[in-house]
Each structure stands twice: as C-alpha cells, then as structure tokens.
Amino acid sequence: MKKNYELSSVIGTVVTTYTSTYTELKGRQEELVSIEGKISEIKEDIGELKANFKIMEKTLIEINNKLDKVVE
C-alpha cells in the first residue's frame, strides 16, 4: 500500500511539473510570436525609411546641382 502511495505521489509530482512547464513554455511561445510580429513591423518601417532617405538624397543632390548652376 505504501508503494502505491509513493508511486502515486511521484506521478502527481511529475504531472504537476509537466503542467507547470507546459504552461510556462506556452506563455513564452505566445510572447515570442508577439515579438516576431513587432520585428516584422520594424523591418517594414526600416524599409520605408530607406526609401524615404533615398528620395531625400536624390532631392538634395538635385538642389545641390541647381545651387552649383546658380553659383557659376
């Protein structure tokens, strides 16, 4: 009888530990998915910024060329 109780206690501990670990990992997984979404948004923003900087660079070059003509 004592062995059954000990075995039952060990099984209970294993199940409790498994459940706790599973719940914690599930929470971390959800957190990682959220972080991945934010990273994707940041990558999109960086892409837009790169495009905007290219436009600004082109505009500044055009302004510089016009100023050079005025100075000549």
C-alpha atoms as a PDB file:
ATOM      1  CA  MET A   1       0.000   0.000   0.000  1.00  0.00           C
ATOM      2  CA  LYS A   2       2.826   2.363   0.880  1.00  0.00           C
ATOM      3  CA  LYS A   3       4.462   1.754  -2.520  1.00  0.00           C
ATOM      4  CA  ASN A   4       1.227   2.645  -4.318  1.00  0.00           C
ATOM      5  CA  TYR A   5       1.023   5.871  -2.342  1.00  0.00           C
ATOM      6  CA  GLU A   6       4.672   6.714  -3.097  1.00  0.00           C
ATOM      7  CA  LEU A   7       4.188   5.886  -6.781  1.00  0.00           C
ATOM      8  CA  SER A   8       1.028   7.969  -6.857  1.00  0.00           C
ATOM      9  CA  SER A   9       2.867  10.839  -5.196  1.00  0.00           C
ATOM     10  CA  VAL A  10       5.719  10.652  -7.735  1.00  0.00           C
ATOM     11  CA  ILE A  11       3.254  10.553 -10.642  1.00  0.00           C
ATOM     12  CA  GLY A  12       1.414  13.527  -9.186  1.00  0.00           C
ATOM     13  CA  THR A  13       4.674  15.460  -8.884  1.00  0.00           C
ATOM     14  CA  VAL A  14       5.656  14.604 -12.462  1.00  0.00           C
ATOM     15  CA  VAL A  15       2.249  15.656 -13.802  1.00  0.00           C
ATOM     16  CA  THR A  16       2.321  18.896 -11.819  1.00  0.00           C
ATOM     17  CA  THR A  17       5.840  19.692 -13.027  1.00  0.00           C
ATOM     18  CA  TYR A  18       4.891  18.873 -16.632  1.00  0.00           C
ATOM     19  CA  THR A  19       1.775  21.036 -16.459  1.00  0.00           C
ATOM     20  CA  SER A  20       3.680  23.941 -14.949  1.00  0.00           C
ATOM     21  CA  THR A  21       6.471  23.671 -17.521  1.00  0.00           C
ATOM     22  CA  TYR A  22       3.982  23.366 -20.390  1.00  0.00           C
ATOM     23  CA  THR A  23       2.055  26.436 -19.222  1.00  0.00           C
ATOM     24  CA  GLU A  24       5.252  28.451 -18.887  1.00  0.00           C
ATOM     25  CA  LEU A  25       6.503  27.394 -22.330  1.00  0.00           C
ATOM     26  CA  LYS A  26       3.117  28.140 -23.885  1.00  0.00           C
ATOM     27  CA  GLY A  27       3.282  31.651 -22.422  1.00  0.00           C
ATOM     28  CA  ARG A  28       6.784  32.137 -23.760  1.00  0.00           C
ATOM     29  CA  GLN A  29       5.683  30.904 -27.177  1.00  0.00           C
ATOM     30  CA  GLU A  30       2.903  33.497 -27.260  1.00  0.00           C
ATOM     31  CA  GLU A  31       5.398  36.149 -26.184  1.00  0.00           C
ATOM     32  CA  LEU A  32       7.811  35.116 -28.954  1.00  0.00           C
ATOM     33  CA  VAL A  33       5.042  35.251 -31.560  1.00  0.00           C
ATOM     34  CA  SER A  34       4.229  38.763 -30.375  1.00  0.00           C
ATOM     35  CA  ILE A  35       7.895  39.763 -30.580  1.00  0.00           C
ATOM     36  CA  GLU A  36       8.169  38.280 -34.086  1.00  0.00           C
ATOM     37  CA  GLY A  37       5.205  40.412 -35.140  1.00  0.00           C
ATOM     38  CA  LYS A  38       6.848  43.518 -33.757  1.00  0.00           C
ATOM     39  CA  ILE A  39      10.114  42.663 -35.515  1.00  0.00           C
ATOM     40  CA  SER A  40       8.238  42.339 -38.811  1.00  0.00           C
ATOM     41  CA  GLU A  41       6.666  45.758 -38.271  1.00  0.00           C
ATOM     42  CA  ILE A  42      10.074  47.266 -37.506  1.00  0.00           C
ATOM     43  CA  LYS A  43      11.542  45.711 -40.664  1.00  0.00           C
ATOM     44  CA  GLU A  44       8.726  47.259 -42.700  1.00  0.00           C
ATOM     45  CA  ASP A  45       9.353  50.637 -41.059  1.00  0.00           C
ATOM     46  CA  ILE A  46      13.076  50.373 -41.830  1.00  0.00           C
ATOM     47  CA  GLY A  47      12.255  49.595 -45.460  1.00  0.00           C
ATOM     48  CA  GLU A  48      10.066  52.681 -45.659  1.00  0.00           C
ATOM     49  CA  LEU A  49      12.760  54.812 -44.023  1.00  0.00           C
ATOM     50  CA  LYS A  50      15.359  53.562 -46.509  1.00  0.00           C
ATOM     51  CA  ALA A  51      13.060  54.515 -49.376  1.00  0.00           C
ATOM     52  CA  ASN A  52      12.446  57.948 -47.835  1.00  0.00           C
ATOM     53  CA  PHE A  53      16.183  58.526 -47.357  1.00  0.00           C
ATOM     54  CA  LYS A  54      16.827  57.611 -50.988  1.00  0.00           C
ATOM     55  CA  ILE A  55      14.204  60.167 -52.056  1.00  0.00           C
ATOM     56  CA  MET A  56      15.720  62.805 -49.753  1.00  0.00           C
ATOM     57  CA  GLU A  57      19.207  62.018 -51.045  1.00  0.00           C
ATOM     58  CA  LYS A  58      18.045  62.412 -54.639  1.00  0.00           C
ATOM     59  CA  THR A  59      16.313  65.692 -53.789  1.00  0.00           C
ATOM     60  CA  LEU A  60      19.403  67.041 -52.027  1.00  0.00           C
ATOM     61  CA  ILE A  61      21.578  66.125 -54.993  1.00  0.00           C
ATOM     62  CA  GLU A  62      19.160  67.950 -57.308  1.00  0.00           C
ATOM     63  CA  ILE A  63      19.188  71.020 -55.031  1.00  0.00           C
ATOM     64  CA  ASN A  64      22.973  70.915 -54.873  1.00  0.00           C
ATOM     65  CA  ASN A  65      23.216  70.741 -58.666  1.00  0.00           C
ATOM     66  CA  LYS A  66      20.836  73.709 -59.032  1.00  0.00           C
ATOM     67  CA  LEU A  67      22.848  75.708 -56.476  1.00  0.00           C
ATOM     68  CA  ASP A  68      26.045  74.907 -58.362  1.00  0.00           C
ATOM     69  CA  LYS A  69      24.463  76.314 -61.531  1.00  0.00           C
ATOM     70  CA  VAL A  70      23.373  79.470 -59.715  1.00  0.00           C
ATOM     71  CA  VAL A  71      26.852  79.997 -58.283  1.00  0.00           C
ATOM     72  CA  GLU A  72      28.510  79.560 -61.685  1.00  0.00           C
END
